[in-house]
């Protein structure tokens, strides 16, 4: 894995895959001190601390779907992400289809594990 910290920017959308994005990122930042999260909503409102943070470390976008909202928001702030993940596509590829937008059931927990592994895979490939 890379030596410096990496910022993870999760989807804030009100979809099942948005929830999966947020939970996967929250789990990973608790598990790995080299990972931090950024609040894409606060970033979009030009909060100074968040704007400074997005320019300090490489950012990996964890999008709930292929709309790529995270990437678009960061681009408006002058930040090029180092990579991104489309959670919906990744889960469709393995026939995992969470449905709940607010609670994790068994399928949701499985989806979180899948996406956490995809995030780590993407980070390993940054080296």
Protein backbone atom coordinates (compact mmCIF):
# COMPACT_ATOMS: atom_id res chain seq x y z
CA UNK A 1 0.00 0.00 0.00
CA UNK A 2 1.10 3.59 -0.53
CA UNK A 3 3.00 5.26 2.30
CA UNK A 4 0.97 8.45 2.64
CA UNK A 5 -2.62 8.72 3.74
CA UNK A 6 -5.40 8.29 1.23
CA UNK A 7 -8.71 10.10 1.46
CA UNK A 8 -11.83 8.11 0.72
CA UNK A 9 -14.79 10.12 -0.54
CA UNK A 10 -18.03 8.15 -0.26
CA UNK A 11 -21.33 8.71 -2.00
CA UNK A 12 -23.93 10.56 0.05
CA UNK A 13 -26.84 9.50 -2.14
CA UNK A 14 -30.06 8.09 -0.70
CA UNK A 15 -29.80 4.71 -2.37
CA UNK A 16 -28.87 1.27 -1.11
CA UNK A 17 -25.52 1.57 -2.87
CA UNK A 18 -24.94 5.01 -1.35
CA UNK A 19 -25.40 3.40 2.07
CA UNK A 20 -23.01 0.59 1.12
CA UNK A 21 -20.44 3.21 0.03
CA UNK A 22 -20.64 5.08 3.33
CA UNK A 23 -20.51 2.00 5.55
CA UNK A 24 -17.58 0.48 3.64
CA UNK A 25 -15.62 3.73 3.96
CA UNK A 26 -16.52 4.12 7.64
CA UNK A 27 -15.37 0.57 8.36
CA UNK A 28 -12.09 1.04 6.51
CA UNK A 29 -11.10 4.26 8.24
CA UNK A 30 -11.68 2.53 11.58
CA UNK A 31 -9.51 -0.40 10.48
CA UNK A 32 -6.61 1.40 8.78
CA UNK A 33 -4.88 4.52 10.10
CA UNK A 34 -3.60 5.40 6.62
CA UNK A 35 -7.15 5.92 5.39
CA UNK A 36 -9.24 9.00 6.13
CA UNK A 37 -12.65 10.01 4.89
CA UNK A 38 -13.85 13.28 3.53
CA UNK A 39 -17.42 14.52 3.63
CA UNK A 40 -18.32 15.20 0.04
CA UNK A 41 -21.30 17.34 1.09
CA UNK A 42 -19.16 19.67 3.23
CA UNK A 43 -16.59 19.73 0.45
CA UNK A 44 -19.23 20.83 -2.05
CA UNK A 45 -20.14 23.81 0.18
CA UNK A 46 -16.54 25.06 0.24
CA UNK A 47 -15.95 24.52 3.95
CA UNK A 48 -12.29 25.66 4.28
CA UNK A 49 -11.09 22.69 6.34
CA UNK A 50 -12.50 20.23 3.82
CA UNK A 51 -11.18 22.10 0.79
CA UNK A 52 -7.73 22.04 2.40
CA UNK A 53 -8.02 18.32 3.17
CA UNK A 54 -8.99 17.29 -0.36
CA UNK A 55 -5.83 18.90 -1.67
CA UNK A 56 -3.55 17.37 0.97
CA UNK A 57 -3.87 13.64 0.20
CA UNK A 58 -4.79 11.57 -2.85
CA UNK A 59 -8.55 10.98 -3.07
CA UNK A 60 -10.28 7.76 -4.08
CA UNK A 61 -13.94 8.21 -4.98
CA UNK A 62 -16.43 5.59 -3.82
CA UNK A 63 -19.50 6.31 -5.93
CA UNK A 64 -22.82 4.64 -5.29
CA UNK A 65 -23.54 4.48 -9.02
CA UNK A 66 -22.22 5.52 -12.39
CA UNK A 67 -23.39 9.13 -12.01
CA UNK A 68 -19.94 9.76 -10.46
CA UNK A 69 -21.16 12.58 -8.22
CA UNK A 70 -18.04 12.36 -6.05
CA UNK A 71 -15.76 12.80 -9.05
CA UNK A 72 -17.81 15.68 -10.45
CA UNK A 73 -17.87 17.54 -7.13
CA UNK A 74 -14.13 17.12 -6.64
CA UNK A 75 -13.43 18.23 -10.20
CA UNK A 76 -15.25 21.51 -9.50
CA UNK A 77 -12.84 21.98 -6.58
CA UNK A 78 -9.79 21.42 -8.79
CA UNK A 79 -9.05 17.93 -7.49
CA UNK A 80 -8.22 15.00 -9.73
CA UNK A 81 -9.10 11.74 -8.01
CA UNK A 82 -6.56 8.92 -8.15
CA UNK A 83 -9.26 6.37 -8.83
CA UNK A 84 -12.88 5.57 -8.28
CA UNK A 85 -15.23 2.71 -7.64
CA UNK A 86 -18.78 2.39 -8.97
CA UNK A 87 -20.44 0.40 -6.19
CA UNK A 88 -23.56 -0.46 -8.21
CA UNK A 89 -21.52 -1.90 -11.08
CA UNK A 90 -19.19 -3.81 -8.77
CA UNK A 91 -22.12 -5.39 -6.94
CA UNK A 92 -24.00 -6.15 -10.16
CA UNK A 93 -20.89 -7.98 -11.42
CA UNK A 94 -21.17 -10.43 -8.50
CA UNK A 95 -25.00 -10.56 -8.43
CA UNK A 96 -25.26 -8.85 -5.05
CA UNK A 97 -28.31 -6.57 -4.86
CA UNK A 98 -28.89 -4.73 -1.56
CA UNK A 99 -32.27 -3.00 -1.41
CA UNK A 100 -32.52 -1.02 1.83
CA UNK A 101 -31.50 2.64 1.74
CA UNK A 102 -31.21 3.06 5.52
CA UNK A 103 -30.41 -0.29 7.16
CA UNK A 104 -27.98 -3.10 6.45
CA UNK A 105 -29.44 -6.56 6.27
CA UNK A 106 -27.49 -9.73 5.49
CA UNK A 107 -27.17 -8.81 1.80
CA UNK A 108 -26.09 -5.30 2.74
CA UNK A 109 -23.36 -6.60 5.04
CA UNK A 110 -22.15 -8.91 2.27
CA UNK A 111 -22.10 -5.93 -0.10
CA UNK A 112 -20.03 -3.88 2.36
CA UNK A 113 -17.42 -6.64 2.54
CA UNK A 114 -17.28 -6.87 -1.26
CA UNK A 115 -16.76 -3.12 -1.60
CA UNK A 116 -14.17 -2.96 1.17
CA UNK A 117 -12.16 -5.57 -0.73
CA UNK A 118 -12.58 -3.59 -3.97
CA UNK A 119 -11.35 -0.43 -2.25
CA UNK A 120 -8.26 -2.21 -0.92
CA UNK A 121 -7.64 -3.72 -4.36
CA UNK A 122 -7.83 -0.26 -5.93
CA UNK A 123 -5.45 1.16 -3.30
CA UNK A 124 -2.94 -1.66 -3.84
CA UNK A 125 -2.94 -0.85 -7.54
CA UNK A 126 -1.98 2.76 -6.83
CA UNK A 127 1.56 1.71 -5.93
